[in-house]
N, C-alpha and C. Protein backbone atom coordinates (compact mmCIF):
# COMPACT_ATOMS: atom_id res chain seq x y z
N UNK A 1 -163.21 61.73 -69.60
CA UNK A 1 -163.65 62.49 -68.44
C UNK A 1 -165.16 62.74 -68.50
N UNK A 2 -165.67 63.12 -69.63
CA UNK A 2 -167.09 63.36 -69.78
C UNK A 2 -167.89 62.08 -69.58
N UNK A 3 -167.38 60.98 -70.07
CA UNK A 3 -168.07 59.71 -69.94
C UNK A 3 -168.16 59.27 -68.47
N UNK A 4 -167.12 59.46 -67.71
CA UNK A 4 -167.12 59.10 -66.29
C UNK A 4 -168.12 59.94 -65.52
N UNK A 5 -168.20 61.21 -65.83
CA UNK A 5 -169.16 62.09 -65.16
C UNK A 5 -170.59 61.66 -65.46
N UNK A 6 -170.88 61.31 -66.70
CA UNK A 6 -172.23 60.87 -67.06
C UNK A 6 -172.58 59.57 -66.36
N UNK A 7 -171.60 58.65 -66.26
CA UNK A 7 -171.87 57.39 -65.57
C UNK A 7 -172.14 57.62 -64.09
N UNK A 8 -171.44 58.55 -63.49
CA UNK A 8 -171.64 58.86 -62.08
C UNK A 8 -173.03 59.45 -61.85
N UNK A 9 -173.44 60.34 -62.72
CA UNK A 9 -174.76 60.96 -62.60
C UNK A 9 -175.86 59.91 -62.81
N UNK A 10 -175.68 59.03 -63.77
CA UNK A 10 -176.67 57.99 -64.04
C UNK A 10 -176.77 57.05 -62.85
N UNK A 11 -175.63 56.65 -62.28
CA UNK A 11 -175.62 55.77 -61.12
C UNK A 11 -176.28 56.44 -59.92
N UNK A 12 -175.99 57.72 -59.70
CA UNK A 12 -176.60 58.45 -58.59
C UNK A 12 -178.12 58.53 -58.75
N UNK A 13 -178.57 58.85 -59.96
CA UNK A 13 -180.01 58.94 -60.21
C UNK A 13 -180.69 57.58 -60.03
N UNK A 14 -180.01 56.52 -60.45
CA UNK A 14 -180.56 55.17 -60.31
C UNK A 14 -180.70 54.81 -58.82
N UNK A 15 -179.71 55.14 -58.02
CA UNK A 15 -179.77 54.86 -56.58
C UNK A 15 -180.89 55.66 -55.93
N UNK A 16 -181.03 56.92 -56.31
CA UNK A 16 -182.11 57.76 -55.76
C UNK A 16 -183.47 57.19 -56.16
N UNK A 17 -183.63 56.79 -57.39
CA UNK A 17 -184.89 56.22 -57.86
C UNK A 17 -185.21 54.91 -57.14
N UNK A 18 -184.21 54.06 -56.98
CA UNK A 18 -184.41 52.79 -56.30
C UNK A 18 -184.82 53.01 -54.85
N UNK A 19 -184.16 53.92 -54.16
CA UNK A 19 -184.49 54.21 -52.76
C UNK A 19 -185.91 54.78 -52.65
N UNK A 20 -186.27 55.64 -53.57
CA UNK A 20 -187.62 56.22 -53.55
C UNK A 20 -188.68 55.15 -53.73
N UNK A 21 -188.47 54.25 -54.68
CA UNK A 21 -189.44 53.18 -54.93
C UNK A 21 -189.53 52.26 -53.71
N UNK A 22 -188.40 51.93 -53.10
CA UNK A 22 -188.41 51.05 -51.93
C UNK A 22 -189.16 51.69 -50.77
N UNK A 23 -188.87 52.94 -50.47
CA UNK A 23 -189.53 53.59 -49.35
C UNK A 23 -191.02 53.79 -49.61
N UNK A 24 -191.39 54.07 -50.85
CA UNK A 24 -192.81 54.20 -51.19
C UNK A 24 -193.53 52.87 -51.02
N UNK A 25 -192.92 51.79 -51.50
CA UNK A 25 -193.53 50.46 -51.37
C UNK A 25 -193.68 50.07 -49.90
N UNK A 26 -192.67 50.34 -49.10
CA UNK A 26 -192.74 50.01 -47.68
C UNK A 26 -193.83 50.85 -47.01
N UNK A 27 -193.90 52.12 -47.35
CA UNK A 27 -194.93 52.98 -46.76
C UNK A 27 -196.33 52.53 -47.12
N UNK A 28 -196.56 52.18 -48.37
CA UNK A 28 -197.89 51.72 -48.78
C UNK A 28 -198.24 50.39 -48.13
N UNK A 29 -197.27 49.50 -48.02
CA UNK A 29 -197.52 48.22 -47.37
C UNK A 29 -197.88 48.42 -45.91
N UNK A 30 -197.15 49.28 -45.22
CA UNK A 30 -197.46 49.55 -43.81
C UNK A 30 -198.82 50.22 -43.66
N UNK A 31 -199.18 51.03 -44.62
CA UNK A 31 -200.47 51.72 -44.53
C UNK A 31 -201.63 50.76 -44.68
N UNK A 32 -201.55 49.85 -45.64
CA UNK A 32 -202.70 48.99 -45.94
C UNK A 32 -202.67 47.65 -45.24
N UNK A 33 -201.53 47.20 -44.76
CA UNK A 33 -201.45 45.90 -44.11
C UNK A 33 -201.00 45.99 -42.66
N UNK A 34 -201.21 47.11 -42.04
CA UNK A 34 -200.81 47.29 -40.65
C UNK A 34 -201.73 46.47 -39.73
N UNK A 35 -201.18 45.84 -38.71
CA UNK A 35 -202.02 45.04 -37.81
C UNK A 35 -203.11 45.87 -37.12
N UNK A 36 -202.82 47.13 -36.82
CA UNK A 36 -203.85 47.95 -36.17
C UNK A 36 -205.01 48.21 -37.12
N UNK A 37 -204.71 48.36 -38.40
CA UNK A 37 -205.78 48.58 -39.37
C UNK A 37 -206.63 47.33 -39.52
N UNK A 38 -206.01 46.15 -39.51
CA UNK A 38 -206.75 44.90 -39.60
C UNK A 38 -207.66 44.75 -38.40
N UNK A 39 -207.15 45.10 -37.21
CA UNK A 39 -207.97 45.03 -36.01
C UNK A 39 -209.15 45.98 -36.08
N UNK A 40 -208.94 47.17 -36.60
CA UNK A 40 -210.03 48.13 -36.74
C UNK A 40 -211.07 47.60 -37.72
N UNK A 41 -210.64 46.96 -38.80
CA UNK A 41 -211.58 46.43 -39.78
C UNK A 41 -212.42 45.32 -39.15
N UNK A 42 -211.83 44.49 -38.31
CA UNK A 42 -212.59 43.45 -37.62
C UNK A 42 -213.64 44.06 -36.70
N UNK A 43 -213.26 45.12 -35.98
CA UNK A 43 -214.24 45.78 -35.11
C UNK A 43 -215.37 46.40 -35.91
N UNK A 44 -215.05 46.98 -37.06
CA UNK A 44 -216.09 47.57 -37.90
C UNK A 44 -217.03 46.49 -38.42
N UNK A 45 -216.47 45.34 -38.83
CA UNK A 45 -217.30 44.24 -39.30
C UNK A 45 -218.21 43.72 -38.19
N UNK A 46 -217.66 43.56 -36.99
CA UNK A 46 -218.47 43.09 -35.86
C UNK A 46 -219.55 44.10 -35.50
N UNK A 47 -219.22 45.38 -35.56
CA UNK A 47 -220.21 46.40 -35.27
C UNK A 47 -221.34 46.36 -36.29
N UNK A 48 -221.00 46.10 -37.54
CA UNK A 48 -222.02 45.98 -38.58
C UNK A 48 -222.98 44.85 -38.30
N UNK A 49 -222.48 43.73 -37.79
CA UNK A 49 -223.35 42.60 -37.46
C UNK A 49 -224.27 42.96 -36.29
N UNK A 50 -223.72 43.63 -35.29
CA UNK A 50 -224.53 44.03 -34.14
C UNK A 50 -225.59 45.03 -34.57
N UNK A 51 -225.22 45.96 -35.41
CA UNK A 51 -226.16 46.96 -35.90
C UNK A 51 -227.27 46.30 -36.72
N UNK A 52 -226.91 45.35 -37.56
CA UNK A 52 -227.91 44.64 -38.36
C UNK A 52 -228.88 43.88 -37.47
N UNK A 53 -228.37 43.21 -36.45
CA UNK A 53 -229.24 42.46 -35.53
C UNK A 53 -230.18 43.42 -34.80
N UNK A 54 -229.65 44.58 -34.41
CA UNK A 54 -230.50 45.56 -33.74
C UNK A 54 -231.60 46.09 -34.65
N UNK A 55 -231.27 46.33 -35.91
CA UNK A 55 -232.29 46.81 -36.85
C UNK A 55 -233.36 45.75 -37.11
N UNK A 56 -232.95 44.49 -37.20
CA UNK A 56 -233.91 43.40 -37.41
C UNK A 56 -234.84 43.30 -36.20
N UNK A 57 -234.28 43.38 -35.00
CA UNK A 57 -235.08 43.32 -33.78
C UNK A 57 -236.05 44.49 -33.71
N UNK A 58 -235.57 45.67 -34.06
CA UNK A 58 -236.43 46.86 -34.03
C UNK A 58 -237.57 46.75 -35.04
N UNK A 59 -237.26 46.25 -36.23
CA UNK A 59 -238.30 46.12 -37.26
C UNK A 59 -239.32 45.06 -36.88
N UNK A 60 -238.88 44.00 -36.17
CA UNK A 60 -239.83 42.99 -35.72
C UNK A 60 -240.75 43.57 -34.67
N UNK A 61 -240.21 44.42 -33.81
CA UNK A 61 -241.05 45.05 -32.78
C UNK A 61 -242.05 46.00 -33.41
N UNK A 62 -241.67 46.69 -34.47
CA UNK A 62 -242.59 47.61 -35.13
C UNK A 62 -243.70 46.85 -35.86
N UNK A 63 -243.37 45.67 -36.36
CA UNK A 63 -244.34 44.87 -37.11
C UNK A 63 -245.40 44.23 -36.25
N UNK A 64 -245.17 44.14 -34.96
CA UNK A 64 -246.13 43.47 -34.08
C UNK A 64 -247.23 44.36 -33.65
């Protein structure tokens, strides 16, 4: 009887641990690989290029 109870508790804890790890992994994957985040990163990269071009243009105007 004691052995069956311990096996049940171990199995329950294992299922809880497995579910926790799965949901955490899914959450982290959705956080870092979400399509909306990738789109935002592309916009930030494009904005950086526009900003750099503007700074170069401004510095050329100051140098003249």
